[in-house]
C-alpha atoms as a PDB file:
ATOM      1  CA  ARG A   1      94.933  94.655  87.129  1.00  0.00           C
ATOM      2  CA  ARG A   2      95.116  92.013  89.824  1.00  0.00           C
ATOM      3  CA  THR A   3      92.218  90.163  88.222  1.00  0.00           C
ATOM      4  CA  ALA A   4      93.999  90.308  84.867  1.00  0.00           C
ATOM      5  CA  VAL A   5      97.153  88.828  86.410  1.00  0.00           C
ATOM      6  CA  PHE A   6      95.284  85.891  87.906  1.00  0.00           C
ATOM      7  CA  THR A   7      93.203  85.378  84.758  1.00  0.00           C
ATOM      8  CA  LEU A   8      96.213  85.371  82.440  1.00  0.00           C
ATOM      9  CA  PHE A   9      98.389  83.285  84.740  1.00  0.00           C
ATOM     10  CA  GLY A  10      95.593  80.934  85.764  1.00  0.00           C
ATOM     11  CA  GLY A  11      94.299  80.347  82.263  1.00  0.00           C
ATOM     12  CA  GLY A  12      97.611  80.418  80.471  1.00  0.00           C
ATOM     13  CA  TRP A  13     100.074  78.671  82.713  1.00  0.00           C
ATOM     14  CA  MET A  14      97.907  76.760  85.149  1.00  0.00           C
ATOM     15  CA  GLY A  15      95.499  75.680  82.434  1.00  0.00           C
ATOM     16  CA  PHE A  16      97.594  74.899  79.388  1.00  0.00           C
ATOM     17  CA  GLY A  17     101.174  74.924  80.658  1.00  0.00           C
ATOM     18  CA  GLN A  18     100.694  72.742  83.682  1.00  0.00           C
ATOM     19  CA  TYR A  19      98.519  70.300  81.771  1.00  0.00           C
ATOM     20  CA  TYR A  20     101.433  69.687  79.422  1.00  0.00           C
ATOM     21  CA  LEU A  21     103.937  69.647  82.270  1.00  0.00           C
ATOM     22  CA  TYR A  22     102.091  67.202  84.530  1.00  0.00           C
ATOM     23  CA  CYS A  23     100.266  65.010  82.036  1.00  0.00           C
ATOM     24  CA  ARG A  24     102.864  64.825  79.295  1.00  0.00           C
ATOM     25  CA  LEU A  25     106.352  65.736  80.485  1.00  0.00           C
ATOM     26  CA  PHE A  26     106.290  64.401  84.051  1.00  0.00           C
ATOM     27  CA  GLU A  27     104.632  61.216  82.843  1.00  0.00           C
ATOM     28  CA  ARG A  28     107.375  60.779  80.244  1.00  0.00           C
ATOM     29  CA  LEU A  29     110.128  61.459  82.784  1.00  0.00           C
ATOM     30  CA  VAL A  30     108.629  59.378  85.630  1.00  0.00           C
ATOM     31  CA  PRO A  31     106.141  56.897  84.160  1.00  0.00           C
ATOM     32  CA  GLY A  32     103.633  55.061  86.294  1.00  0.00           C
ATOM     33  CA  THR A  33     101.231  55.583  89.146  1.00  0.00           C
ATOM     34  CA  THR A  34     103.019  53.700  91.908  1.00  0.00           C
ATOM     35  CA  ALA A  35     103.865  55.378  95.196  1.00  0.00           C
ATOM     36  CA  LEU A  36     107.506  55.694  94.111  1.00  0.00           C
ATOM     37  CA  ALA A  37     106.564  57.270  90.765  1.00  0.00           C
ATOM     38  CA  SER A  38     104.186  59.667  92.521  1.00  0.00           C
ATOM     39  CA  ALA A  39     106.936  60.650  94.952  1.00  0.00           C
ATOM     40  CA  GLY A  40     109.273  61.289  92.016  1.00  0.00           C
ATOM     41  CA  LYS A  41     106.696  63.487  90.307  1.00  0.00           C
ATOM     42  CA  ALA A  42     106.087  65.392  93.544  1.00  0.00           C
ATOM     43  CA  ALA A  43     109.839  65.924  93.932  1.00  0.00           C
ATOM     44  CA  LEU A  44     110.104  67.220  90.346  1.00  0.00           C
ATOM     45  CA  ASP A  45     107.236  69.564  91.041  1.00  0.00           C
ATOM     46  CA  GLN A  46     108.591  70.956  94.297  1.00  0.00           C
ATOM     47  CA  LEU A  47     112.282  71.056  93.401  1.00  0.00           C
ATOM     48  CA  VAL A  48     112.183  72.014  89.721  1.00  0.00           C
ATOM     49  CA  HIS A  49     108.805  73.274  88.550  1.00  0.00           C
ATOM     50  CA  VAL A  50     107.784  75.540  91.415  1.00  0.00           C
ATOM     51  CA  PRO A  51     111.073  77.373  92.078  1.00  0.00           C
ATOM     52  CA  LEU A  52     112.295  77.554  88.472  1.00  0.00           C
ATOM     53  CA  LEU A  53     109.074  78.046  86.486  1.00  0.00           C
ATOM     54  CA  TYR A  54     105.979  78.717  88.571  1.00  0.00           C
ATOM     55  CA  PHE A  55     107.187  81.555  90.831  1.00  0.00           C
ATOM     56  CA  PRO A  56     109.296  83.419  88.237  1.00  0.00           C
ATOM     57  CA  LEU A  57     106.516  83.184  85.663  1.00  0.00           C
ATOM     58  CA  PHE A  58     103.859  84.413  88.084  1.00  0.00           C
ATOM     59  CA  TYR A  59     105.928  87.369  89.280  1.00  0.00           C
ATOM     60  CA  SER A  60     106.929  88.236  85.696  1.00  0.00           C
ATOM     61  CA  ILE A  61     103.323  88.275  84.499  1.00  0.00           C
ATOM     62  CA  ASP A  62     102.331  90.291  87.560  1.00  0.00           C
ATOM     63  CA  ALA A  63     105.073  92.838  86.898  1.00  0.00           C
ATOM     64  CA  LEU A  64     104.288  93.035  83.187  1.00  0.00           C
ATOM     65  CA  LEU A  65     100.632  93.803  83.813  1.00  0.00           C
ATOM     66  CA  GLN A  66     101.414  96.174  86.680  1.00  0.00           C
ATOM     67  CA  GLY A  67     103.872  98.080  84.471  1.00  0.00           C
ATOM     68  CA  ALA A  68     107.026  97.201  86.373  1.00  0.00           C
ATOM     69  CA  TRP A  69     108.555  94.416  84.285  1.00  0.00           C
ATOM     70  CA  ALA A  70     112.246  94.781  85.197  1.00  0.00           C
ATOM     71  CA  ARG A  71     111.560  95.294  88.895  1.00  0.00           C
ATOM     72  CA  GLY A  72     109.146  92.345  88.893  1.00  0.00           C
ATOM     73  CA  VAL A  73     111.613  89.976  87.263  1.00  0.00           C
ATOM     74  CA  ALA A  74     114.248  90.933  89.809  1.00  0.00           C
ATOM     75  CA  CYS A  75     111.700  90.495  92.597  1.00  0.00           C
ATOM     76  CA  GLY A  76     110.682  87.110  91.224  1.00  0.00           C
ATOM     77  CA  MET A  77     114.270  85.939  91.123  1.00  0.00           C
ATOM     78  CA  GLU A  78     114.759  87.151  94.711  1.00  0.00           C
ATOM     79  CA  HIS A  79     111.760  85.066  95.751  1.00  0.00           C
ATOM     80  CA  VAL A  80     113.234  82.032  93.991  1.00  0.00           C
ATOM     81  CA  GLN A  81     116.609  82.529  95.653  1.00  0.00           C
ATOM     82  CA  HIS A  82     114.924  82.926  99.029  1.00  0.00           C
ATOM     83  CA  ARG A  83     112.918  79.729  98.510  1.00  0.00           C
ATOM     84  CA  LEU A  84     116.048  77.780  97.522  1.00  0.00           C
ATOM     85  CA  ARG A  85     117.888  78.715 100.725  1.00  0.00           C
END
């Protein structure tokens, strides 16, 4: 099951989802390759993407494949809240 979680999450989100996020959306929101643009993209990643998409999605997929969807979503949101403190 653990292998399935990492395969689904890695291939689905990290492969397709993050390609769109980093190469399309972030580039549209913060165009350029200057140091300032790179810092803006890093800030978007750390302050928006990781706490609001990456962690909840990972823990939700983990819970779904482990058979504990509701508990996993709650756990994922707890992790997000803890990270935002």
